[in-house]
Protein backbone atom coordinates (compact mmCIF):
# COMPACT_ATOMS: atom_id res chain seq x y z
CA UNK A 1 107.42 107.56 68.98
CA UNK A 2 104.81 108.14 71.82
CA UNK A 3 102.83 105.05 72.16
CA UNK A 4 99.51 104.88 74.50
CA UNK A 5 99.62 102.52 77.19
CA UNK A 6 97.03 99.61 76.66
CA UNK A 7 94.21 99.76 79.35
CA UNK A 8 91.82 97.23 80.18
CA UNK A 9 89.17 99.18 78.64
CA UNK A 10 91.23 99.32 75.44
CA UNK A 11 91.99 95.49 75.34
CA UNK A 12 88.43 94.71 75.65
CA UNK A 13 87.16 97.23 73.30
CA UNK A 14 89.72 95.94 70.75
CA UNK A 15 88.66 92.25 71.31
CA UNK A 16 84.86 93.69 70.69
CA UNK A 17 85.94 95.61 67.45
CA UNK A 18 88.16 93.29 66.03
CA UNK A 19 87.03 89.18 66.64
CA UNK A 20 83.59 87.54 66.11
CA UNK A 21 82.86 86.45 69.44
CA UNK A 22 80.00 84.66 70.79
CA UNK A 23 76.73 86.90 71.94
CA UNK A 24 77.42 85.80 75.32
CA UNK A 25 81.09 86.39 75.17
CA UNK A 26 80.39 89.96 73.66
CA UNK A 27 77.73 90.69 76.18
CA UNK A 28 80.35 89.73 79.26
CA UNK A 29 82.81 92.08 77.57
CA UNK A 30 80.44 94.88 76.87
CA UNK A 31 79.63 94.83 80.69
CA UNK A 32 83.34 94.90 81.86
CA UNK A 33 83.67 98.03 79.71
CA UNK A 34 80.93 99.36 80.93
CA UNK A 35 82.21 98.70 84.86
CA UNK A 36 85.57 99.93 83.65
CA UNK A 37 83.61 103.33 82.41
CA UNK A 38 82.15 103.80 85.74
CA UNK A 39 85.03 103.06 87.93
CA UNK A 40 87.49 105.42 86.01
CA UNK A 41 85.06 108.14 86.00
CA UNK A 42 83.50 108.19 89.29
CA UNK A 43 83.96 111.45 91.27
CA UNK A 44 86.29 110.69 94.38
CA UNK A 45 85.86 112.53 97.59
CA UNK A 46 89.34 113.65 99.33
CA UNK A 47 90.86 111.49 101.66
CA UNK A 48 91.01 112.28 105.30
CA UNK A 49 94.68 113.04 104.82
CA UNK A 50 93.94 115.48 101.83
CA UNK A 51 91.55 117.39 104.02
CA UNK A 52 93.84 117.68 106.85
CA UNK A 53 96.65 118.79 104.35
CA UNK A 54 94.28 121.70 103.00
CA UNK A 55 93.58 122.83 106.76
CA UNK A 56 97.59 122.95 107.47
CA UNK A 57 98.45 124.71 104.18
CA UNK A 58 95.93 127.31 105.25
CA UNK A 59 97.29 127.45 108.65
CA UNK A 60 101.07 127.96 107.25
CA UNK A 61 99.82 130.37 104.83
CA UNK A 62 98.07 132.66 107.54
CA UNK A 63 101.56 132.35 109.79
CA UNK A 64 103.49 133.75 106.68
CA UNK A 65 104.18 137.61 106.62
CA UNK A 66 104.29 139.12 103.04
CA UNK A 67 107.69 140.15 101.23
CA UNK A 68 109.30 137.76 103.77
CA UNK A 69 111.45 134.77 102.61
CA UNK A 70 111.31 131.71 104.55
CA UNK A 71 113.65 128.47 104.47
CA UNK A 72 111.98 125.24 105.37
CA UNK A 73 114.24 125.03 108.64
CA UNK A 74 112.95 128.52 109.66
CA UNK A 75 109.32 127.38 109.34
CA UNK A 76 109.78 124.48 111.25
CA UNK A 77 111.42 126.26 114.17
CA UNK A 78 109.11 129.67 114.32
CA UNK A 79 105.66 128.38 113.15
CA UNK A 80 103.13 126.70 115.65
CA UNK A 81 101.79 124.30 112.74
CA UNK A 82 104.85 122.78 112.08
CA UNK A 83 105.97 121.65 115.37
CA UNK A 84 105.12 117.97 114.95
CA UNK A 85 106.16 117.81 111.09
CA UNK A 86 109.28 116.75 109.22
CA UNK A 87 111.08 118.88 106.66
CA UNK A 88 110.02 116.54 104.13
CA UNK A 89 106.41 116.64 104.74
CA UNK A 90 106.67 120.67 104.89
CA UNK A 91 108.77 120.76 101.68
CA UNK A 92 105.82 118.38 100.07
CA UNK A 93 103.15 120.87 101.41
CA UNK A 94 104.87 124.11 100.21
CA UNK A 95 105.50 122.74 96.82
CA UNK A 96 101.72 121.96 96.56
CA UNK A 97 101.00 125.28 97.61
CA UNK A 98 103.50 126.98 95.12
CA UNK A 99 101.84 124.86 92.37
CA UNK A 100 98.49 126.24 93.50
CA UNK A 101 99.98 129.82 93.75
CA UNK A 102 99.50 130.36 97.41
CA UNK A 103 103.33 130.70 97.88
CA UNK A 104 106.16 131.77 95.63
CA UNK A 105 109.45 129.25 95.67
CA UNK A 106 112.81 130.96 94.87
CA UNK A 107 116.18 128.89 95.13
CA UNK A 108 119.12 130.95 96.24
CA UNK A 109 122.46 129.26 96.45
CA UNK A 110 120.74 125.77 96.03
CA UNK A 111 118.13 126.61 99.06
CA UNK A 112 114.83 126.42 98.26
CA UNK A 113 113.09 130.07 99.89
CA UNK A 114 109.24 130.64 100.22
CA UNK A 115 107.20 133.72 100.23
CA UNK A 116 103.63 134.67 100.43
CA UNK A 117 102.00 135.05 97.01
CA UNK A 118 101.41 138.50 95.96
């Protein structure tokens, strides 16, 4: 039973397609649909935080050695890039890196271990 979420655009389009509305109202609704299409289709620049995170990920990857498994705690102590970072932020960055294929994430006895992707 998968139902699609009703969006503003969908609701406006439904009203236009289903009901006979005065021309003035129809024009206004069409204008609103057009505005919503522009808003949802716009290309967005990455935020300053996303740009910064990309640089930090590159620095983390450059400090990792091939075929070495690291815990988050070891990285926090060992890497210069992670000096002022919380373990939660580092874990989030490493998880993003794993999704992007930069690092490999493995679990050993409940502990997450990260290594440079081959």
